[in-house]
């Protein structure tokens, strides 16, 4: 007999019962956001979904369902013959679509008829999205955020990674946003995720953390690239305790050349980044920086950008905060050993 379970609890423990989470929505819907760890096995492609929607609006719901049903059946057959061909008898998938309607029910019915024990998310993706919005905007319980603060090039992201490696709870906003938080911060081959997907990544981490222990976050602005930090987290960051990282300009410039190697070695990338600084600096200054880039003087370029642009921005932003750091870490260098030692000192005090 087919076995089909309706699932309402989308907590980590409940989801761990399933071997796979299958999002049957179109690739465009999946790219906008999806449940953590889900794979996309669409029963309607982007174009097919648009076609069925047009028929629904311009002709009739009945004809849209008939045309859509035929397409859905063919696509599910294709998945059974490809992605699902080698799944064992006891394999247990969890399936969802936009709102738990025709698309997910069709896939779930067929897979359960094959003999697999299938879970179906009640309410579909909208159930997941409701949980994310409530967790990031509606919940007002405090978060034990500790900010890793310091001027550009002081190794904050590397220290976050070291904190995580040593057992600390970390939210790497730049990593989740695919952006390093500056004019040079984007990755040409790695676009930023959609806002909803960025929020999903953050919520999935927060809901797994022990809130009796500190959560380390790099001090950021309200946006990382074009992605907005969710309201609850941003408000907690504004009030959070700070650990301040100190390193000299020469040490930081050397570190930046390595950390931003992909950007500074690409003339086009440097030119695009410097163009973003036009409202803040004279043409002569920007031309000088571009000339340093063209000449391969990357360390001088990094030091000039820090001393004339990023350090003044950092100083102004810190003037707006009345609190003092709870800990200051002085780093004579930013080697792997220095960064690991900094993380150890932060964890010891936290």
Protein backbone atom coordinates (compact mmCIF):
# COMPACT_ATOMS: atom_id res chain seq x y z
CA UNK A 1 0.00 0.00 0.00
CA UNK A 2 1.28 3.53 -0.79
CA UNK A 3 2.52 5.44 2.26
CA UNK A 4 2.17 9.21 2.29
CA UNK A 5 2.82 11.34 5.40
CA UNK A 6 1.74 14.96 5.75
CA UNK A 7 4.53 16.97 7.43
CA UNK A 8 3.91 20.19 9.35
CA UNK A 9 7.05 20.36 11.52
CA UNK A 10 10.01 21.70 9.52
CA UNK A 11 12.47 21.76 12.41
CA UNK A 12 15.93 20.18 11.97
CA UNK A 13 15.01 17.07 13.95
CA UNK A 14 11.89 16.43 11.89
CA UNK A 15 13.68 17.01 8.59
CA UNK A 16 16.50 14.65 9.57
CA UNK A 17 14.05 11.73 9.24
CA UNK A 18 14.12 12.11 5.46
CA UNK A 19 16.84 11.03 3.04
CA UNK A 20 16.16 13.84 0.58
CA UNK A 21 14.15 17.05 0.36
CA UNK A 22 12.73 17.54 -3.12
CA UNK A 23 11.56 20.92 -4.36
CA UNK A 24 9.36 20.32 -7.40
CA UNK A 25 8.88 23.99 -8.25
CA UNK A 26 10.40 25.58 -11.35
CA UNK A 27 14.15 26.36 -11.44
CA UNK A 28 13.42 30.09 -11.13
CA UNK A 29 11.36 29.56 -7.97
CA UNK A 30 14.07 27.31 -6.57
CA UNK A 31 16.79 29.91 -7.26
CA UNK A 32 14.80 32.58 -5.41
CA UNK A 33 14.69 30.44 -2.26
CA UNK A 34 14.36 26.85 -1.12
CA UNK A 35 14.50 24.77 2.02
CA UNK A 36 18.06 24.02 3.22
CA UNK A 37 19.55 20.98 1.53
CA UNK A 38 16.73 20.66 -1.00
CA UNK A 39 17.34 19.43 -4.55
CA UNK A 40 15.33 20.72 -7.48
CA UNK A 41 13.38 18.15 -9.50
CA UNK A 42 10.88 20.45 -11.24
CA UNK A 43 7.65 19.04 -12.56
CA UNK A 44 7.23 22.19 -14.67
CA UNK A 45 10.11 24.12 -16.23
CA UNK A 46 10.11 27.92 -16.17
CA UNK A 47 8.64 28.06 -19.66
CA UNK A 48 6.10 25.30 -18.97
CA UNK A 49 4.92 27.01 -15.80
CA UNK A 50 4.47 30.28 -17.71
CA UNK A 51 2.54 28.50 -20.46
CA UNK A 52 0.17 26.75 -18.05
CA UNK A 53 -0.36 30.01 -16.15
CA UNK A 54 -1.28 31.80 -19.36
CA UNK A 55 -3.79 29.10 -20.27
CA UNK A 56 -5.28 29.33 -16.76
CA UNK A 57 -5.81 33.09 -17.04
CA UNK A 58 -6.74 33.44 -20.71
CA UNK A 59 -8.68 30.22 -21.38
CA UNK A 60 -9.83 28.13 -18.42
CA UNK A 61 -8.58 26.47 -15.23
CA UNK A 62 -9.80 23.10 -16.54
CA UNK A 63 -7.72 23.25 -19.71
CA UNK A 64 -4.70 24.53 -17.72
CA UNK A 65 -5.01 21.54 -15.37
CA UNK A 66 -5.31 19.11 -18.28
CA UNK A 67 -2.33 20.53 -20.17
CA UNK A 68 -0.31 20.94 -16.97
CA UNK A 69 -1.17 17.44 -15.79
CA UNK A 70 0.21 15.91 -18.96
CA UNK A 71 3.45 17.91 -18.69
CA UNK A 72 3.83 17.10 -14.99
CA UNK A 73 3.36 13.37 -15.66
CA UNK A 74 6.02 13.38 -18.38
CA UNK A 75 8.50 15.28 -16.21
CA UNK A 76 7.98 12.99 -13.21
CA UNK A 77 8.53 10.00 -15.50
CA UNK A 78 11.80 11.59 -16.59
CA UNK A 79 12.94 12.01 -12.98
CA UNK A 80 12.07 8.37 -12.24
CA UNK A 81 14.23 7.31 -15.16
CA UNK A 82 17.18 9.58 -14.25
CA UNK A 83 17.72 11.25 -10.86
CA UNK A 84 15.61 8.69 -8.96
CA UNK A 85 16.51 5.58 -10.94
CA UNK A 86 18.88 4.11 -8.36
CA UNK A 87 17.08 4.97 -5.13
CA UNK A 88 16.62 1.92 -2.86
CA UNK A 89 13.28 0.60 -1.61
CA UNK A 90 13.56 2.23 1.83
CA UNK A 91 14.55 5.66 0.48
CA UNK A 92 12.44 8.35 2.15
CA UNK A 93 11.90 11.69 0.32
CA UNK A 94 10.15 14.84 1.55
CA UNK A 95 8.40 16.75 -1.22
CA UNK A 96 7.07 20.30 -1.49
CA UNK A 97 5.92 22.83 -4.08
CA UNK A 98 4.72 26.43 -3.69
CA UNK A 99 1.68 25.80 -1.49
CA UNK A 100 1.30 22.05 -1.23
CA UNK A 101 -0.98 21.81 -4.25
CA UNK A 102 -1.07 19.98 -7.55
CA UNK A 103 2.67 19.82 -8.29
CA UNK A 104 3.85 18.29 -5.02
CA UNK A 105 0.78 16.07 -4.66
CA UNK A 106 1.35 14.65 -8.14
CA UNK A 107 4.99 13.82 -7.40
CA UNK A 108 4.21 12.47 -3.93
CA UNK A 109 1.38 10.26 -5.18
CA UNK A 110 3.49 8.69 -7.90
CA UNK A 111 6.56 8.17 -5.69
CA UNK A 112 4.49 6.64 -2.92
CA UNK A 113 2.84 4.36 -5.50
CA UNK A 114 6.31 3.14 -6.48
CA UNK A 115 6.69 2.00 -2.88
CA UNK A 116 8.74 4.72 -1.23
CA UNK A 117 7.55 6.20 2.10
CA UNK A 118 6.95 9.82 1.11
CA UNK A 119 6.54 12.96 3.18
CA UNK A 120 4.56 15.92 1.84
CA UNK A 121 5.01 19.41 3.32
CA UNK A 122 1.60 20.77 4.27
CA UNK A 123 1.26 24.27 2.83
CA UNK A 124 4.38 23.82 0.71
CA UNK A 125 7.19 26.38 0.52
CA UNK A 126 4.94 29.03 2.05
CA UNK A 127 5.03 27.08 5.33
CA UNK A 128 8.83 27.24 5.32
CA UNK A 129 8.86 30.93 4.39
CA UNK A 130 6.45 31.73 7.22
CA UNK A 131 8.85 30.11 9.69
CA UNK A 132 11.78 32.12 8.31
CA UNK A 133 9.93 35.44 8.50
CA UNK A 134 8.75 34.73 12.03
CA UNK A 135 12.24 33.70 13.12
CA UNK A 136 14.02 36.69 11.58
CA UNK A 137 11.44 39.47 11.91
CA UNK A 138 8.77 38.42 14.38
CA UNK A 139 10.77 36.79 17.18
CA UNK A 140 11.99 39.39 19.70
CA UNK A 141 13.95 37.09 22.04
CA UNK A 142 17.58 38.29 22.44
CA UNK A 143 20.47 36.75 20.54
CA UNK A 144 23.91 36.45 22.22
CA UNK A 145 25.75 38.22 19.41
CA UNK A 146 29.42 39.15 19.77
CA UNK A 147 30.82 41.31 16.96
CA UNK A 148 34.28 40.78 15.52
CA UNK A 149 35.21 44.36 14.70
CA UNK A 150 38.19 46.11 13.20
CA UNK A 151 39.33 48.13 10.18
CA UNK A 152 39.48 46.74 6.64
CA UNK A 153 42.13 44.08 6.21
CA UNK A 154 42.39 43.10 9.87
CA UNK A 155 41.49 39.48 9.15
CA UNK A 156 38.00 39.46 10.63
CA UNK A 157 36.62 36.87 8.21
CA UNK A 158 39.64 34.62 8.75
CA UNK A 159 39.20 34.96 12.52
CA UNK A 160 35.53 33.98 12.17
CA UNK A 161 36.60 30.84 10.32
CA UNK A 162 39.15 30.07 13.03
CA UNK A 163 36.48 30.58 15.71
CA UNK A 164 34.25 28.10 13.92
CA UNK A 165 37.11 25.63 13.52
CA UNK A 166 37.69 25.84 17.29
CA UNK A 167 34.05 25.13 18.13
CA UNK A 168 32.57 28.62 18.18
CA UNK A 169 29.12 29.45 16.82
CA UNK A 170 29.57 31.69 13.77
CA UNK A 171 27.38 33.43 11.22
CA UNK A 172 29.58 34.46 8.29
CA UNK A 173 27.40 37.07 6.61
CA UNK A 174 29.93 37.74 3.87
CA UNK A 175 30.21 34.05 3.09
CA UNK A 176 26.43 33.60 3.02
CA UNK A 177 26.04 36.70 0.82
CA UNK A 178 28.93 35.80 -1.53
CA UNK A 179 30.36 39.29 -0.98
CA UNK A 180 33.31 40.70 0.95
CA UNK A 181 31.49 43.83 2.06
CA UNK A 182 33.35 46.52 0.10
CA UNK A 183 33.60 48.07 -3.36
CA UNK A 184 35.98 45.21 -4.21
CA UNK A 185 33.80 42.65 -2.48
CA UNK A 186 31.91 40.93 -5.28
CA UNK A 187 32.89 37.69 -7.02
CA UNK A 188 32.47 37.80 -10.80
CA UNK A 189 31.91 34.04 -11.02
CA UNK A 190 29.73 33.78 -7.90
CA UNK A 191 26.63 36.00 -7.87
CA UNK A 192 24.93 36.97 -4.66
CA UNK A 193 21.99 34.80 -3.61
CA UNK A 194 18.45 36.15 -3.77
CA UNK A 195 17.37 38.03 -0.64
CA UNK A 196 15.02 35.25 0.46
CA UNK A 197 17.70 32.59 0.06
CA UNK A 198 20.16 34.75 2.05
CA UNK A 199 17.58 34.94 4.84
CA UNK A 200 17.00 31.17 4.70
CA UNK A 201 20.74 30.52 5.16
CA UNK A 202 20.85 32.82 8.21
CA UNK A 203 17.70 31.38 9.79
CA UNK A 204 18.84 27.80 9.26
CA UNK A 205 22.02 28.56 11.22
CA UNK A 206 20.30 30.53 13.99
CA UNK A 207 17.72 27.84 14.69
CA UNK A 208 20.49 25.27 15.19
CA UNK A 209 22.52 27.35 17.66
CA UNK A 210 22.66 27.07 21.43
CA UNK A 211 21.47 30.51 22.55
CA UNK A 212 23.20 30.14 25.91
CA UNK A 213 26.53 30.46 24.07
CA UNK A 214 27.87 33.45 22.10
CA UNK A 215 27.27 33.78 18.38
CA UNK A 216 30.13 35.50 16.57
CA UNK A 217 29.35 37.81 13.66
CA UNK A 218 31.58 40.19 11.74
CA UNK A 219 30.70 43.87 12.23
CA UNK A 220 28.95 44.78 8.98
CA UNK A 221 26.71 47.50 7.65
CA UNK A 222 23.01 46.86 7.19
CA UNK A 223 23.73 45.52 3.71
CA UNK A 224 26.32 43.05 2.49
CA UNK A 225 26.63 43.94 -1.16
CA UNK A 226 22.98 44.26 -2.17
CA UNK A 227 21.68 41.80 0.41
CA UNK A 228 19.95 43.23 3.49
CA UNK A 229 20.77 41.85 6.94
CA UNK A 230 17.45 40.66 8.48
CA UNK A 231 15.91 43.06 10.95
CA UNK A 232 16.17 40.93 14.08
CA UNK A 233 19.85 40.14 13.53
CA UNK A 234 20.70 43.73 12.58
CA UNK A 235 19.10 45.15 15.72
CA UNK A 236 21.02 42.66 17.85
CA UNK A 237 24.26 43.58 16.06
CA UNK A 238 23.73 47.26 16.82
CA UNK A 239 23.57 46.51 20.55
CA UNK A 240 26.11 43.68 20.63
CA UNK A 241 29.40 43.54 22.52
CA UNK A 242 32.44 44.08 20.33
CA UNK A 243 35.85 42.45 20.09
CA UNK A 244 38.18 44.83 18.27
CA UNK A 245 41.05 43.59 16.10
CA UNK A 246 44.11 45.87 15.76
CA UNK A 247 46.80 45.46 13.09
CA UNK A 248 49.09 47.95 11.38
CA UNK A 249 48.36 49.34 7.91
CA UNK A 250 51.36 47.52 6.42
CA UNK A 251 50.24 44.19 7.87
CA UNK A 252 46.69 44.74 6.68
CA UNK A 253 47.70 45.78 3.16
CA UNK A 254 49.79 42.64 2.75
CA UNK A 255 46.88 40.53 4.00
CA UNK A 256 44.42 42.25 1.65
CA UNK A 257 46.52 41.56 -1.44
CA UNK A 258 46.14 37.86 -0.68
CA UNK A 259 42.50 37.96 0.42
CA UNK A 260 41.45 40.03 -2.62
CA UNK A 261 43.84 38.45 -5.09
CA UNK A 262 41.12 37.62 -7.60
CA UNK A 263 39.91 41.23 -7.63
CA UNK A 264 43.19 43.16 -7.69
CA UNK A 265 44.65 40.99 -10.47
CA UNK A 266 41.70 41.75 -12.75
CA UNK A 267 42.01 45.22 -14.33
CA UNK A 268 38.33 45.30 -15.22
CA UNK A 269 37.31 44.38 -11.69
CA UNK A 270 39.53 47.11 -10.21
CA UNK A 271 38.15 49.71 -12.63
CA UNK A 272 34.55 48.78 -11.75
CA UNK A 273 35.32 48.92 -8.04
CA UNK A 274 37.05 52.29 -8.28
CA UNK A 275 34.11 53.65 -10.27
CA UNK A 276 31.94 53.04 -7.20
CA UNK A 277 34.21 55.40 -5.24
CA UNK A 278 33.76 58.37 -7.62
CA UNK A 279 31.34 60.21 -5.29
CA UNK A 280 33.95 60.16 -2.49
CA UNK A 281 37.30 60.97 -4.13
CA UNK A 282 38.86 63.31 -6.67
CA UNK A 283 39.50 62.13 -10.21
CA UNK A 284 43.24 62.49 -9.61
CA UNK A 285 43.14 60.15 -6.62
CA UNK A 286 41.15 57.53 -8.50
CA UNK A 287 43.53 57.80 -11.46
CA UNK A 288 46.48 57.31 -9.14
CA UNK A 289 44.89 54.17 -7.68
CA UNK A 290 44.14 52.82 -11.14
CA UNK A 291 47.74 53.46 -12.16
CA UNK A 292 48.97 51.47 -9.16
CA UNK A 293 46.70 48.60 -10.20
CA UNK A 294 47.92 48.75 -13.79
CA UNK A 295 51.54 48.70 -12.60
CA UNK A 296 50.91 45.69 -10.37
CA UNK A 297 51.59 47.74 -7.23
CA UNK A 298 48.80 45.97 -5.40
CA UNK A 299 50.17 46.43 -1.91
CA UNK A 300 50.52 50.20 -2.40
CA UNK A 301 47.01 50.28 -3.85
CA UNK A 302 45.63 48.41 -0.83
CA UNK A 303 47.41 50.70 1.62
CA UNK A 304 46.22 53.83 -0.20
CA UNK A 305 42.61 52.62 -0.23
CA UNK A 306 42.75 51.78 3.46
CA UNK A 307 44.36 55.01 4.65
CA UNK A 308 42.34 57.36 2.43
CA UNK A 309 38.99 55.59 2.16
CA UNK A 310 38.24 52.60 4.39
CA UNK A 311 39.98 53.65 7.61
CA UNK A 312 38.23 57.07 7.68
CA UNK A 313 34.89 55.31 7.07
CA UNK A 314 35.62 52.93 9.92
CA UNK A 315 36.60 55.78 12.25
CA UNK A 316 33.39 57.68 11.48
CA UNK A 317 31.23 54.62 12.03
CA UNK A 318 32.85 53.94 15.42
CA UNK A 319 32.24 57.51 16.56
CA UNK A 320 28.53 56.78 16.34
CA UNK A 321 28.89 54.01 18.92
CA UNK A 322 29.25 54.98 22.55
CA UNK A 323 30.33 51.54 23.78
CA UNK A 324 33.90 50.41 24.20
CA UNK A 325 35.14 47.03 23.00
CA UNK A 326 35.02 44.26 25.60
CA UNK A 327 38.29 42.89 24.25
CA UNK A 328 41.10 44.21 22.05
CA UNK A 329 43.27 41.80 20.10
CA UNK A 330 46.62 43.21 18.95
CA UNK A 331 47.99 41.33 15.97
CA UNK A 332 51.61 41.95 14.92
CA UNK A 333 50.97 39.78 11.85
CA UNK A 334 48.10 37.95 10.19
CA UNK A 335 49.60 34.52 9.68
CA UNK A 336 47.50 31.39 10.18
CA UNK A 337 49.06 30.98 13.63
CA UNK A 338 48.27 34.59 14.61
CA UNK A 339 44.67 34.20 13.50
CA UNK A 340 44.27 30.89 15.34
CA UNK A 341 45.72 32.45 18.50
CA UNK A 342 43.34 35.40 18.21
CA UNK A 343 40.37 33.05 17.94
CA UNK A 344 41.56 31.09 20.97
CA UNK A 345 41.86 34.29 23.03
CA UNK A 346 38.38 35.43 21.99
CA UNK A 347 36.80 32.10 22.91
CA UNK A 348 38.61 32.06 26.24
CA UNK A 349 37.17 35.42 27.25
CA UNK A 350 33.72 34.85 25.71
